[in-house]
Amino acid sequence: MVGPRQRIKVFWFPQWAATRAGHGLCVLPCVIADNEPSLRGVMAEDVVLHRSFWLTIHSDMKSQARVSVVSSFITESVRTAQANF
């Protein structure tokens, strides 16, 4: 069992592929699973996950306009779709 302060590194693609192939259950964010008609949600009330996402920008690049534009776009896109994550 995973405690509240433990972190798990997750790679979604193998879980998604195995579940699509009928090999059991997995935990996927809605942004991935909702777009796959062969999958359906189960245990939504029983499983609660808290995720954090990090956007890392090299200090030499953060003042460049193109990096700032893309960073802002990614941040706002995730904020807008927050319920899917």
Protein backbone atom coordinates (compact mmCIF):
# COMPACT_ATOMS: atom_id res chain seq x y z
CA MET A 1 0.00 0.00 0.00
CA VAL A 2 1.22 3.48 -0.84
CA GLY A 3 1.28 6.03 1.95
CA PRO A 4 0.29 9.68 1.60
CA ARG A 5 3.84 10.96 1.27
CA GLN A 6 5.21 8.24 -0.98
CA ARG A 7 5.81 8.94 -4.64
CA ILE A 8 5.35 6.57 -7.50
CA LYS A 9 6.89 7.06 -10.89
CA VAL A 10 4.34 6.01 -13.49
CA PHE A 11 4.74 5.27 -17.17
CA TRP A 12 1.26 5.35 -18.70
CA PHE A 13 1.79 3.66 -22.05
CA PRO A 14 2.55 0.10 -20.82
CA GLN A 15 -0.45 0.23 -18.44
CA TRP A 16 -2.72 1.56 -21.17
CA ALA A 17 -1.56 -1.06 -23.67
CA ALA A 18 -1.89 -3.96 -21.22
CA THR A 19 -5.37 -2.86 -20.13
CA ARG A 20 -6.51 -2.43 -23.73
CA ALA A 21 -5.27 -5.97 -24.38
CA GLY A 22 -7.52 -7.24 -21.58
CA HIS A 23 -4.85 -7.94 -18.97
CA GLY A 24 -6.63 -6.31 -16.03
CA LEU A 25 -7.14 -2.93 -14.38
CA CYS A 26 -4.88 0.08 -14.26
CA VAL A 27 -4.95 3.69 -13.13
CA LEU A 28 -5.03 6.14 -16.01
CA PRO A 29 -5.82 9.85 -16.09
CA CYS A 30 -9.15 10.67 -17.73
CA VAL A 31 -7.34 12.68 -20.40
CA ILE A 32 -5.97 9.36 -21.70
CA ALA A 33 -8.69 6.86 -20.82
CA ASP A 34 -11.69 8.94 -21.93
CA ASN A 35 -10.40 8.90 -25.50
CA GLU A 36 -10.22 5.11 -25.62
CA PRO A 37 -13.64 3.56 -26.37
CA SER A 38 -12.50 0.07 -25.34
CA LEU A 39 -11.86 1.22 -21.75
CA ARG A 40 -14.38 2.14 -19.08
CA GLY A 41 -13.97 3.71 -15.68
CA VAL A 42 -14.34 1.58 -12.55
CA MET A 43 -13.83 2.27 -8.84
CA ALA A 44 -13.80 6.06 -9.32
CA GLU A 45 -15.23 6.58 -5.83
CA ASP A 46 -12.75 4.13 -4.26
CA VAL A 47 -9.50 5.44 -5.69
CA VAL A 48 -8.31 9.01 -5.10
CA LEU A 49 -5.02 10.18 -6.55
CA HIS A 50 -3.23 13.46 -6.01
CA ARG A 51 -0.83 14.37 -8.77
CA SER A 52 1.61 17.16 -9.34
CA PHE A 53 3.18 18.21 -12.60
CA TRP A 54 6.41 20.06 -13.07
CA LEU A 55 7.40 22.23 -15.99
CA THR A 56 11.17 22.59 -16.02
CA ILE A 57 12.93 25.30 -18.00
CA HIS A 58 16.66 25.77 -18.14
CA SER A 59 17.70 29.07 -16.57
CA ASP A 60 19.46 30.10 -19.80
CA MET A 61 16.22 29.69 -21.75
CA LYS A 62 13.52 31.11 -19.49
CA SER A 63 13.96 34.71 -20.65
CA GLN A 64 13.46 33.82 -24.32
CA ALA A 65 10.07 34.91 -25.65
CA ARG A 66 9.36 31.63 -27.48
CA VAL A 67 10.01 29.63 -24.30
CA SER A 68 7.78 31.94 -22.28
CA VAL A 69 4.95 31.64 -24.83
CA VAL A 70 5.11 27.83 -24.87
CA SER A 71 5.41 27.68 -21.07
CA SER A 72 2.36 29.90 -20.65
CA PHE A 73 0.40 27.86 -23.18
CA ILE A 74 1.20 24.56 -21.44
CA THR A 75 0.41 25.98 -18.00
CA GLU A 76 -2.92 27.46 -19.10
CA SER A 77 -3.89 24.32 -21.07
CA VAL A 78 -3.33 22.11 -18.03
CA ARG A 79 -5.18 24.54 -15.77
CA THR A 80 -8.15 24.59 -18.16
CA ALA A 81 -8.26 20.79 -18.38
CA GLN A 82 -7.44 20.26 -14.69
CA ALA A 83 -10.44 17.97 -14.11
CA ASN A 84 -9.07 15.53 -16.69
CA PHE A 85 -5.85 15.05 -14.81
